[in-house]
Amino acid sequence: MIPINKLSALQNGLTPSVDKSDATNSDFSKILKESLEEMNDIQVKGDRAMADIATGQVKDLHQAAIAINKAETNMKMMLEVRNKALSAYKEISRTQI
């Protein structure tokens, strides 16, 4: 999981301070990959919770509902990130040199 201080530094356009032990995870592509893997894990848990509800194998309905809502919220956030990235790409491609 990515620490909040690194994400806020990236959002502000700053280079996050990184100690030598964490230098391998400072790359943007690695941060993006980790975020996508975490989102995938959350989606899998949400799908499993929906399947458990559908088959009647759910043990805790409250926890299943939380997992489903977390997956839905996470997907909405990732779609917004994608939309912003596409918008930025289009803006950059329209820029004349």
PDB file of N, CA and C in Angstrom:
ATOM      1  N   MET A   1       0.836  -1.174   0.000  1.00  0.00           N
ATOM      2  CA  MET A   1       0.000   0.000   0.000  1.00  0.00           C
ATOM      3  C   MET A   1       0.884   1.241   0.000  1.00  0.00           C
ATOM      4  N   ILE A   2       0.447   2.273  -0.678  1.00  0.00           N
ATOM      5  CA  ILE A   2       1.227   3.484  -0.830  1.00  0.00           C
ATOM      6  C   ILE A   2       0.903   4.437   0.316  1.00  0.00           C
ATOM      7  N   PRO A   3       1.932   4.917   1.027  1.00  0.00           N
ATOM      8  CA  PRO A   3       1.681   5.859   2.103  1.00  0.00           C
ATOM      9  C   PRO A   3       1.059   7.146   1.574  1.00  0.00           C
ATOM     10  N   ILE A   4       0.156   7.718   2.363  1.00  0.00           N
ATOM     11  CA  ILE A   4      -0.558   8.924   1.979  1.00  0.00           C
ATOM     12  C   ILE A   4       0.404  10.083   1.731  1.00  0.00           C
ATOM     13  N   ASN A   5       1.471  10.185   2.510  1.00  0.00           N
ATOM     14  CA  ASN A   5       2.382  11.306   2.329  1.00  0.00           C
ATOM     15  C   ASN A   5       3.042  11.283   0.960  1.00  0.00           C
ATOM     16  N   LYS A   6       3.277  10.112   0.401  1.00  0.00           N
ATOM     17  CA  LYS A   6       3.857  10.031  -0.941  1.00  0.00           C
ATOM     18  C   LYS A   6       2.842  10.458  -1.987  1.00  0.00           C
ATOM     19  N   LEU A   7       1.581  10.027  -1.828  1.00  0.00           N
ATOM     20  CA  LEU A   7       0.555  10.396  -2.792  1.00  0.00           C
ATOM     21  C   LEU A   7       0.295  11.891  -2.765  1.00  0.00           C
ATOM     22  N   SER A   8       0.239  12.492  -1.578  1.00  0.00           N
ATOM     23  CA  SER A   8      -0.016  13.923  -1.504  1.00  0.00           C
ATOM     24  C   SER A   8       1.154  14.697  -2.081  1.00  0.00           C
ATOM     25  N   ALA A   9       2.366  14.205  -1.921  1.00  0.00           N
ATOM     26  CA  ALA A   9       3.524  14.881  -2.513  1.00  0.00           C
ATOM     27  C   ALA A   9       3.461  14.792  -4.033  1.00  0.00           C
ATOM     28  N   LEU A  10       3.054  13.648  -4.565  1.00  0.00           N
ATOM     29  CA  LEU A  10       2.913  13.507  -6.014  1.00  0.00           C
ATOM     30  C   LEU A  10       1.823  14.422  -6.546  1.00  0.00           C
ATOM     31  N   GLN A  11       0.728  14.540  -5.800  1.00  0.00           N
ATOM     32  CA  GLN A  11      -0.383  15.378  -6.217  1.00  0.00           C
ATOM     33  C   GLN A  11       0.039  16.840  -6.264  1.00  0.00           C
ATOM     34  N   ASN A  12       0.875  17.259  -5.342  1.00  0.00           N
ATOM     35  CA  ASN A  12       1.320  18.648  -5.298  1.00  0.00           C
ATOM     36  C   ASN A  12       2.457  18.930  -6.261  1.00  0.00           C
ATOM     37  N   GLY A  13       2.862  17.933  -7.029  1.00  0.00           N
ATOM     38  CA  GLY A  13       3.915  18.121  -7.998  1.00  0.00           C
ATOM     39  C   GLY A  13       5.304  18.057  -7.399  1.00  0.00           C
ATOM     40  N   LEU A  14       5.416  17.597  -6.184  1.00  0.00           N
ATOM     41  CA  LEU A  14       6.700  17.491  -5.516  1.00  0.00           C
ATOM     42  C   LEU A  14       7.227  16.076  -5.638  1.00  0.00           C
ATOM     43  N   THR A  15       8.491  15.933  -5.543  1.00  0.00           N
ATOM     44  CA  THR A  15       9.083  14.611  -5.497  1.00  0.00           C
ATOM     45  C   THR A  15       9.053  14.147  -4.052  1.00  0.00           C
ATOM     46  N   PRO A  16       8.396  13.028  -3.765  1.00  0.00           N
ATOM     47  CA  PRO A  16       8.322  12.582  -2.375  1.00  0.00           C
ATOM     48  C   PRO A  16       9.696  12.207  -1.849  1.00  0.00           C
ATOM     49  N   SER A  17       9.905  12.515  -0.578  1.00  0.00           N
ATOM     50  CA  SER A  17      11.180  12.125   0.018  1.00  0.00           C
ATOM     51  C   SER A  17      11.195  10.621   0.198  1.00  0.00           C
ATOM     52  N   VAL A  18      12.282  10.021  -0.211  1.00  0.00           N
ATOM     53  CA  VAL A  18      12.376   8.566  -0.208  1.00  0.00           C
ATOM     54  C   VAL A  18      13.672   8.173   0.472  1.00  0.00           C
ATOM     55  N   ASP A  19      13.567   7.249   1.432  1.00  0.00           N
ATOM     56  CA  ASP A  19      14.799   6.726   2.008  1.00  0.00           C
ATOM     57  C   ASP A  19      15.332   5.623   1.097  1.00  0.00           C
ATOM     58  N   LYS A  20      16.570   5.221   1.317  1.00  0.00           N
ATOM     59  CA  LYS A  20      17.222   4.275   0.407  1.00  0.00           C
ATOM     60  C   LYS A  20      16.526   2.929   0.372  1.00  0.00           C
ATOM     61  N   SER A  21      15.916   2.499   1.460  1.00  0.00           N
ATOM     62  CA  SER A  21      15.241   1.207   1.476  1.00  0.00           C
ATOM     63  C   SER A  21      13.968   1.226   0.647  1.00  0.00           C
ATOM     64  N   ASP A  22      13.410   2.424   0.415  1.00  0.00           N
ATOM     65  CA  ASP A  22      12.153   2.540  -0.317  1.00  0.00           C
ATOM     66  C   ASP A  22      12.376   3.100  -1.718  1.00  0.00           C
ATOM     67  N   ALA A  23      13.614   3.193  -2.159  1.00  0.00           N
ATOM     68  CA  ALA A  23      13.921   3.815  -3.438  1.00  0.00           C
ATOM     69  C   ALA A  23      13.339   3.038  -4.611  1.00  0.00           C
ATOM     70  N   THR A  24      13.176   1.746  -4.475  1.00  0.00           N
ATOM     71  CA  THR A  24      12.660   0.950  -5.590  1.00  0.00           C
ATOM     72  C   THR A  24      11.185   1.205  -5.831  1.00  0.00           C
ATOM     73  N   ASN A  25      10.460   1.707  -4.855  1.00  0.00           N
ATOM     74  CA  ASN A  25       9.028   1.932  -5.009  1.00  0.00           C
ATOM     75  C   ASN A  25       8.686   3.368  -5.353  1.00  0.00           C
ATOM     76  N   SER A  26       9.692   4.212  -5.602  1.00  0.00           N
ATOM     77  CA  SER A  26       9.407   5.612  -5.871  1.00  0.00           C
ATOM     78  C   SER A  26       9.044   5.864  -7.328  1.00  0.00           C
ATOM     79  N   ASP A  27       9.235   4.933  -8.179  1.00  0.00           N
ATOM     80  CA  ASP A  27       8.944   5.073  -9.595  1.00  0.00           C
ATOM     81  C   ASP A  27       7.439   5.169  -9.813  1.00  0.00           C
ATOM     82  N   PHE A  28       7.014   6.083 -10.676  1.00  0.00           N
ATOM     83  CA  PHE A  28       5.580   6.271 -10.918  1.00  0.00           C
ATOM     84  C   PHE A  28       4.927   5.005 -11.442  1.00  0.00           C
ATOM     85  N   SER A  29       5.596   4.317 -12.340  1.00  0.00           N
ATOM     86  CA  SER A  29       5.000   3.105 -12.912  1.00  0.00           C
ATOM     87  C   SER A  29       4.798   2.035 -11.850  1.00  0.00           C
ATOM     88  N   LYS A  30       5.727   1.957 -10.906  1.00  0.00           N
ATOM     89  CA  LYS A  30       5.564   0.971  -9.832  1.00  0.00           C
ATOM     90  C   LYS A  30       4.422   1.360  -8.900  1.00  0.00           C
ATOM     91  N   ILE A  31       4.283   2.654  -8.632  1.00  0.00           N
ATOM     92  CA  ILE A  31       3.177   3.116  -7.797  1.00  0.00           C
ATOM     93  C   ILE A  31       1.855   2.809  -8.478  1.00  0.00           C
ATOM     94  N   LEU A  32       1.792   3.067  -9.779  1.00  0.00           N
ATOM     95  CA  LEU A  32       0.572   2.783 -10.530  1.00  0.00           C
ATOM     96  C   LEU A  32       0.271   1.288 -10.539  1.00  0.00           C
ATOM     97  N   LYS A  33       1.295   0.476 -10.741  1.00  0.00           N
ATOM     98  CA  LYS A  33       1.108  -0.974 -10.761  1.00  0.00           C
ATOM     99  C   LYS A  33       0.600  -1.480  -9.417  1.00  0.00           C
ATOM    100  N   GLU A  34       1.178  -0.992  -8.328  1.00  0.00           N
ATOM    101  CA  GLU A  34       0.730  -1.403  -6.999  1.00  0.00           C
ATOM    102  C   GLU A  34      -0.710  -0.987  -6.756  1.00  0.00           C
ATOM    103  N   SER A  35      -1.078   0.197  -7.201  1.00  0.00           N
ATOM    104  CA  SER A  35      -2.452   0.664  -7.034  1.00  0.00           C
ATOM    105  C   SER A  35      -3.427  -0.204  -7.809  1.00  0.00           C
ATOM    106  N   LEU A  36      -3.045  -0.570  -9.033  1.00  0.00           N
ATOM    107  CA  LEU A  36      -3.914  -1.429  -9.831  1.00  0.00           C
ATOM    108  C   LEU A  36      -4.038  -2.821  -9.228  1.00  0.00           C
ATOM    109  N   GLU A  37      -2.957  -3.341  -8.687  1.00  0.00           N
ATOM    110  CA  GLU A  37      -3.022  -4.652  -8.041  1.00  0.00           C
ATOM    111  C   GLU A  37      -3.917  -4.600  -6.802  1.00  0.00           C
ATOM    112  N   GLU A  38      -3.807  -3.523  -6.044  1.00  0.00           N
ATOM    113  CA  GLU A  38      -4.657  -3.376  -4.856  1.00  0.00           C
ATOM    114  C   GLU A  38      -6.121  -3.249  -5.271  1.00  0.00           C
ATOM    115  N   MET A  39      -6.389  -2.486  -6.333  1.00  0.00           N
ATOM    116  CA  MET A  39      -7.758  -2.353  -6.813  1.00  0.00           C
ATOM    117  C   MET A  39      -8.299  -3.700  -7.276  1.00  0.00           C
ATOM    118  N   ASN A  40      -7.461  -4.489  -7.951  1.00  0.00           N
ATOM    119  CA  ASN A  40      -7.884  -5.809  -8.400  1.00  0.00           C
ATOM    120  C   ASN A  40      -8.229  -6.707  -7.217  1.00  0.00           C
ATOM    121  N   ASP A  41      -7.418  -6.673  -6.174  1.00  0.00           N
ATOM    122  CA  ASP A  41      -7.700  -7.476  -4.980  1.00  0.00           C
ATOM    123  C   ASP A  41      -9.041  -7.088  -4.364  1.00  0.00           C
ATOM    124  N   ILE A  42      -9.310  -5.799  -4.295  1.00  0.00           N
ATOM    125  CA  ILE A  42     -10.576  -5.318  -3.725  1.00  0.00           C
ATOM    126  C   ILE A  42     -11.743  -5.766  -4.598  1.00  0.00           C
ATOM    127  N   GLN A  43     -11.578  -5.715  -5.927  1.00  0.00           N
ATOM    128  CA  GLN A  43     -12.630  -6.165  -6.832  1.00  0.00           C
ATOM    129  C   GLN A  43     -12.901  -7.654  -6.682  1.00  0.00           C
ATOM    130  N   VAL A  44     -11.844  -8.441  -6.527  1.00  0.00           N
ATOM    131  CA  VAL A  44     -12.004  -9.889  -6.348  1.00  0.00           C
ATOM    132  C   VAL A  44     -12.764 -10.174  -5.057  1.00  0.00           C
ATOM    133  N   LYS A  45     -12.426  -9.465  -3.981  1.00  0.00           N
ATOM    134  CA  LYS A  45     -13.135  -9.649  -2.714  1.00  0.00           C
ATOM    135  C   LYS A  45     -14.599  -9.250  -2.842  1.00  0.00           C
ATOM    136  N   GLY A  46     -14.866  -8.176  -3.566  1.00  0.00           N
ATOM    137  CA  GLY A  46     -16.250  -7.753  -3.781  1.00  0.00           C
ATOM    138  C   GLY A  46     -17.034  -8.766  -4.591  1.00  0.00           C
ATOM    139  N   ASP A  47     -16.417  -9.296  -5.641  1.00  0.00           N
ATOM    140  CA  ASP A  47     -17.071 -10.326  -6.459  1.00  0.00           C
ATOM    141  C   ASP A  47     -17.339 -11.585  -5.648  1.00  0.00           C
ATOM    142  N   ARG A  48     -16.365 -11.956  -4.814  1.00  0.00           N
ATOM    143  CA  ARG A  48     -16.537 -13.140  -3.964  1.00  0.00           C
ATOM    144  C   ARG A  48     -17.685 -12.924  -2.975  1.00  0.00           C
ATOM    145  N   ALA A  49     -17.783 -11.712  -2.431  1.00  0.00           N
ATOM    146  CA  ALA A  49     -18.859 -11.411  -1.488  1.00  0.00           C
ATOM    147  C   ALA A  49     -20.213 -11.483  -2.181  1.00  0.00           C
ATOM    148  N   MET A  50     -20.300 -10.961  -3.426  1.00  0.00           N
ATOM    149  CA  MET A  50     -21.569 -11.048  -4.162  1.00  0.00           C
ATOM    150  C   MET A  50     -21.931 -12.489  -4.465  1.00  0.00           C
ATOM    151  N   ALA A  51     -20.938 -13.292  -4.828  1.00  0.00           N
ATOM    152  CA  ALA A  51     -21.202 -14.708  -5.111  1.00  0.00           C
ATOM    153  C   ALA A  51     -21.654 -15.426  -3.842  1.00  0.00           C
ATOM    154  N   ASP A  52     -21.045 -15.106  -2.706  1.00  0.00           N
ATOM    155  CA  ASP A  52     -21.452 -15.726  -1.446  1.00  0.00           C
ATOM    156  C   ASP A  52     -22.876 -15.350  -1.075  1.00  0.00           C
ATOM    157  N   ILE A  53     -23.252 -14.105  -1.324  1.00  0.00           N
ATOM    158  CA  ILE A  53     -24.627 -13.680  -1.042  1.00  0.00           C
ATOM    159  C   ILE A  53     -25.594 -14.421  -1.960  1.00  0.00           C
ATOM    160  N   ALA A  54     -25.238 -14.531  -3.234  1.00  0.00           N
ATOM    161  CA  ALA A  54     -26.119 -15.187  -4.202  1.00  0.00           C
ATOM    162  C   ALA A  54     -26.305 -16.665  -3.895  1.00  0.00           C
ATOM    163  N   THR A  55     -25.271 -17.325  -3.394  1.00  0.00           N
ATOM    164  CA  THR A  55     -25.370 -18.754  -3.107  1.00  0.00           C
ATOM    165  C   THR A  55     -25.812 -19.044  -1.678  1.00  0.00           C
ATOM    166  N   GLY A  56     -25.929 -18.003  -0.873  1.00  0.00           N
ATOM    167  CA  GLY A  56     -26.359 -18.195   0.511  1.00  0.00           C
ATOM    168  C   GLY A  56     -25.246 -18.645   1.436  1.00  0.00           C
ATOM    169  N   GLN A  57     -24.015 -18.524   1.015  1.00  0.00           N
ATOM    170  CA  GLN A  57     -22.887 -18.962   1.830  1.00  0.00           C
ATOM    171  C   GLN A  57     -22.286 -17.834   2.660  1.00  0.00           C
ATOM    172  N   VAL A  58     -22.907 -16.676   2.627  1.00  0.00           N
ATOM    173  CA  VAL A  58     -22.371 -15.533   3.353  1.00  0.00           C
ATOM    174  C   VAL A  58     -22.498 -15.766   4.862  1.00  0.00           C
ATOM    175  N   LYS A  59     -21.411 -15.481   5.588  1.00  0.00           N
ATOM    176  CA  LYS A  59     -21.420 -15.660   7.036  1.00  0.00           C
ATOM    177  C   LYS A  59     -21.762 -14.361   7.742  1.00  0.00           C
ATOM    178  N   ASP A  60     -21.271 -13.242   7.207  1.00  0.00           N
ATOM    179  CA  ASP A  60     -21.526 -11.946   7.804  1.00  0.00           C
ATOM    180  C   ASP A  60     -21.997 -11.004   6.712  1.00  0.00           C
ATOM    181  N   LEU A  61     -23.282 -10.744   6.666  1.00  0.00           N
ATOM    182  CA  LEU A  61     -23.874  -9.911   5.625  1.00  0.00           C
ATOM    183  C   LEU A  61     -23.306  -8.497   5.656  1.00  0.00           C
ATOM    184  N   HIS A  62     -23.059  -7.997   6.852  1.00  0.00           N
ATOM    185  CA  HIS A  62     -22.523  -6.645   6.991  1.00  0.00           C
ATOM    186  C   HIS A  62     -21.143  -6.539   6.339  1.00  0.00           C
ATOM    187  N   GLN A  63     -20.256  -7.473   6.597  1.00  0.00           N
ATOM    188  CA  GLN A  63     -18.921  -7.454   6.007  1.00  0.00           C
ATOM    189  C   GLN A  63     -18.986  -7.629   4.490  1.00  0.00           C
ATOM    190  N   ALA A  64     -19.915  -8.438   4.013  1.00  0.00           N
ATOM    191  CA  ALA A  64     -20.079  -8.621   2.563  1.00  0.00           C
ATOM    192  C   ALA A  64     -20.538  -7.320   1.916  1.00  0.00           C
ATOM    193  N   ALA A  65     -21.470  -6.627   2.548  1.00  0.00           N
ATOM    194  CA  ALA A  65     -21.942  -5.350   2.011  1.00  0.00           C
ATOM    195  C   ALA A  65     -20.821  -4.317   1.991  1.00  0.00           C
ATOM    196  N   ILE A  66     -19.989  -4.315   3.022  1.00  0.00           N
ATOM    197  CA  ILE A  66     -18.854  -3.389   3.063  1.00  0.00           C
ATOM    198  C   ILE A  66     -17.883  -3.699   1.926  1.00  0.00           C
ATOM    199  N   ALA A  67     -17.590  -4.969   1.700  1.00  0.00           N
ATOM    200  CA  ALA A  67     -16.669  -5.360   0.626  1.00  0.00           C
ATOM    201  C   ALA A  67     -17.216  -4.948  -0.739  1.00  0.00           C
ATOM    202  N   ILE A  68     -18.504  -5.122  -0.947  1.00  0.00           N
ATOM    203  CA  ILE A  68     -19.116  -4.752  -2.225  1.00  0.00           C
ATOM    204  C   ILE A  68     -19.070  -3.245  -2.426  1.00  0.00           C
ATOM    205  N   ASN A  69     -19.413  -2.478  -1.385  1.00  0.00           N
ATOM    206  CA  ASN A  69     -19.378  -1.017  -1.498  1.00  0.00           C
ATOM    207  C   ASN A  69     -17.963  -0.492  -1.676  1.00  0.00           C
ATOM    208  N   LYS A  70     -17.006  -1.118  -1.004  1.00  0.00           N
ATOM    209  CA  LYS A  70     -15.613  -0.716  -1.153  1.00  0.00           C
ATOM    210  C   LYS A  70     -15.149  -0.951  -2.590  1.00  0.00           C
ATOM    211  N   ALA A  71     -15.525  -2.083  -3.171  1.00  0.00           N
ATOM    212  CA  ALA A  71     -15.157  -2.385  -4.557  1.00  0.00           C
ATOM    213  C   ALA A  71     -15.797  -1.385  -5.512  1.00  0.00           C
ATOM    214  N   GLU A  72     -17.046  -1.038  -5.273  1.00  0.00           N
ATOM    215  CA  GLU A  72     -17.738  -0.084  -6.136  1.00  0.00           C
ATOM    216  C   GLU A  72     -17.094   1.301  -6.059  1.00  0.00           C
ATOM    217  N   THR A  73     -16.797   1.749  -4.853  1.00  0.00           N
ATOM    218  CA  THR A  73     -16.168   3.057  -4.671  1.00  0.00           C
ATOM    219  C   THR A  73     -14.779   3.084  -5.285  1.00  0.00           C
ATOM    220  N   ASN A  74     -14.044   2.011  -5.101  1.00  0.00           N
ATOM    221  CA  ASN A  74     -12.700   1.918  -5.656  1.00  0.00           C
ATOM    222  C   ASN A  74     -12.739   1.961  -7.180  1.00  0.00           C
ATOM    223  N   MET A  75     -13.703   1.293  -7.783  1.00  0.00           N
ATOM    224  CA  MET A  75     -13.818   1.293  -9.242  1.00  0.00           C
ATOM    225  C   MET A  75     -14.173   2.689  -9.749  1.00  0.00           C
ATOM    226  N   LYS A  76     -15.062   3.379  -9.055  1.00  0.00           N
ATOM    227  CA  LYS A  76     -15.415   4.743  -9.462  1.00  0.00           C
ATOM    228  C   LYS A  76     -14.198   5.661  -9.397  1.00  0.00           C
ATOM    229  N   MET A  77     -13.395   5.510  -8.343  1.00  0.00           N
ATOM    230  CA  MET A  77     -12.207   6.338  -8.213  1.00  0.00           C
ATOM    231  C   MET A  77     -11.223   6.038  -9.343  1.00  0.00           C
ATOM    232  N   MET A  78     -11.012   4.772  -9.645  1.00  0.00           N
ATOM    233  CA  MET A  78     -10.073   4.416 -10.705  1.00  0.00           C
ATOM    234  C   MET A  78     -10.562   4.912 -12.061  1.00  0.00           C
ATOM    235  N   LEU A  79     -11.872   4.890 -12.302  1.00  0.00           N
ATOM    236  CA  LEU A  79     -12.402   5.421 -13.549  1.00  0.00           C
ATOM    237  C   LEU A  79     -12.160   6.928 -13.648  1.00  0.00           C
ATOM    238  N   GLU A  80     -12.300   7.637 -12.547  1.00  0.00           N
ATOM    239  CA  GLU A  80     -12.030   9.076 -12.545  1.00  0.00           C
ATOM    240  C   GLU A  80     -10.556   9.357 -12.800  1.00  0.00           C
ATOM    241  N   VAL A  81      -9.681   8.548 -12.223  1.00  0.00           N
ATOM    242  CA  VAL A  81      -8.243   8.707 -12.470  1.00  0.00           C
ATOM    243  C   VAL A  81      -7.953   8.472 -13.946  1.00  0.00           C
ATOM    244  N   ARG A  82      -8.560   7.442 -14.507  1.00  0.00           N
ATOM    245  CA  ARG A  82      -8.380   7.163 -15.935  1.00  0.00           C
ATOM    246  C   ARG A  82      -8.883   8.317 -16.789  1.00  0.00           C
ATOM    247  N   ASN A  83     -10.061   8.844 -16.448  1.00  0.00           N
ATOM    248  CA  ASN A  83     -10.623   9.956 -17.208  1.00  0.00           C
ATOM    249  C   ASN A  83      -9.726  11.188 -17.148  1.00  0.00           C
ATOM    250  N   LYS A  84      -9.174  11.465 -15.972  1.00  0.00           N
ATOM    251  CA  LYS A  84      -8.266  12.608 -15.829  1.00  0.00           C
ATOM    252  C   LYS A  84      -6.985  12.384 -16.630  1.00  0.00           C
ATOM    253  N   ALA A  85      -6.463  11.162 -16.625  1.00  0.00           N
ATOM    254  CA  ALA A  85      -5.252  10.863 -17.380  1.00  0.00           C
ATOM    255  C   ALA A  85      -5.503  11.016 -18.881  1.00  0.00           C
ATOM    256  N   LEU A  86      -6.646  10.538 -19.360  1.00  0.00           N
ATOM    257  CA  LEU A  86      -6.980  10.694 -20.772  1.00  0.00           C
ATOM    258  C   LEU A  86      -7.175  12.157 -21.141  1.00  0.00           C
ATOM    259  N   SER A  87      -7.803  12.899 -20.262  1.00  0.00           N
ATOM    260  CA  SER A  87      -7.998  14.320 -20.491  1.00  0.00           C
ATOM    261  C   SER A  87      -6.660  15.047 -20.563  1.00  0.00           C
ATOM    262  N   ALA A  88      -5.752  14.709 -19.665  1.00  0.00           N
ATOM    263  CA  ALA A  88      -4.416  15.328 -19.684  1.00  0.00           C
ATOM    264  C   ALA A  88      -3.677  14.955 -20.958  1.00  0.00           C
ATOM    265  N   TYR A  89      -3.776  13.703 -21.379  1.00  0.00           N
ATOM    266  CA  TYR A  89      -3.121  13.261 -22.613  1.00  0.00           C
ATOM    267  C   TYR A  89      -3.659  14.033 -23.815  1.00  0.00           C
ATOM    268  N   LYS A  90      -4.981  14.181 -23.890  1.00  0.00           N
ATOM    269  CA  LYS A  90      -5.581  14.919 -25.001  1.00  0.00           C
ATOM    270  C   LYS A  90      -5.147  16.377 -24.985  1.00  0.00           C
ATOM    271  N   GLU A  91      -5.081  16.971 -23.819  1.00  0.00           N
ATOM    272  CA  GLU A  91      -4.642  18.353 -23.697  1.00  0.00           C
ATOM    273  C   GLU A  91      -3.197  18.506 -24.156  1.00  0.00           C
ATOM    274  N   ILE A  92      -2.348  17.574 -23.755  1.00  0.00           N
ATOM    275  CA  ILE A  92      -0.940  17.629 -24.161  1.00  0.00           C
ATOM    276  C   ILE A  92      -0.811  17.423 -25.674  1.00  0.00           C
ATOM    277  N   SER A  93      -1.605  16.519 -26.235  1.00  0.00           N
ATOM    278  CA  SER A  93      -1.511  16.253 -27.674  1.00  0.00           C
ATOM    279  C   SER A  93      -2.015  17.434 -28.492  1.00  0.00           C
ATOM    280  N   ARG A  94      -2.887  18.264 -27.941  1.00  0.00           N
ATOM    281  CA  ARG A  94      -3.365  19.457 -28.645  1.00  0.00           C
ATOM    282  C   ARG A  94      -2.376  20.615 -28.570  1.00  0.00           C
ATOM    283  N   THR A  95      -1.435  20.526 -27.652  1.00  0.00           N
ATOM    284  CA  THR A  95      -0.466  21.603 -27.474  1.00  0.00           C
ATOM    285  C   THR A  95       0.445  21.673 -28.696  1.00  0.00           C
ATOM    286  N   GLN A  96       0.559  22.877 -29.238  1.00  0.00           N
ATOM    287  CA  GLN A  96       1.430  23.066 -30.398  1.00  0.00           C
ATOM    288  C   GLN A  96       2.840  23.390 -29.937  1.00  0.00           C
ATOM    289  N   ILE A  97       3.775  22.824 -30.641  1.00  0.00           N
ATOM    290  CA  ILE A  97       5.187  23.045 -30.272  1.00  0.00           C
ATOM    291  C   ILE A  97       5.766  24.154 -31.123  1.00  0.00           C
TER     292      ILE A  97
END
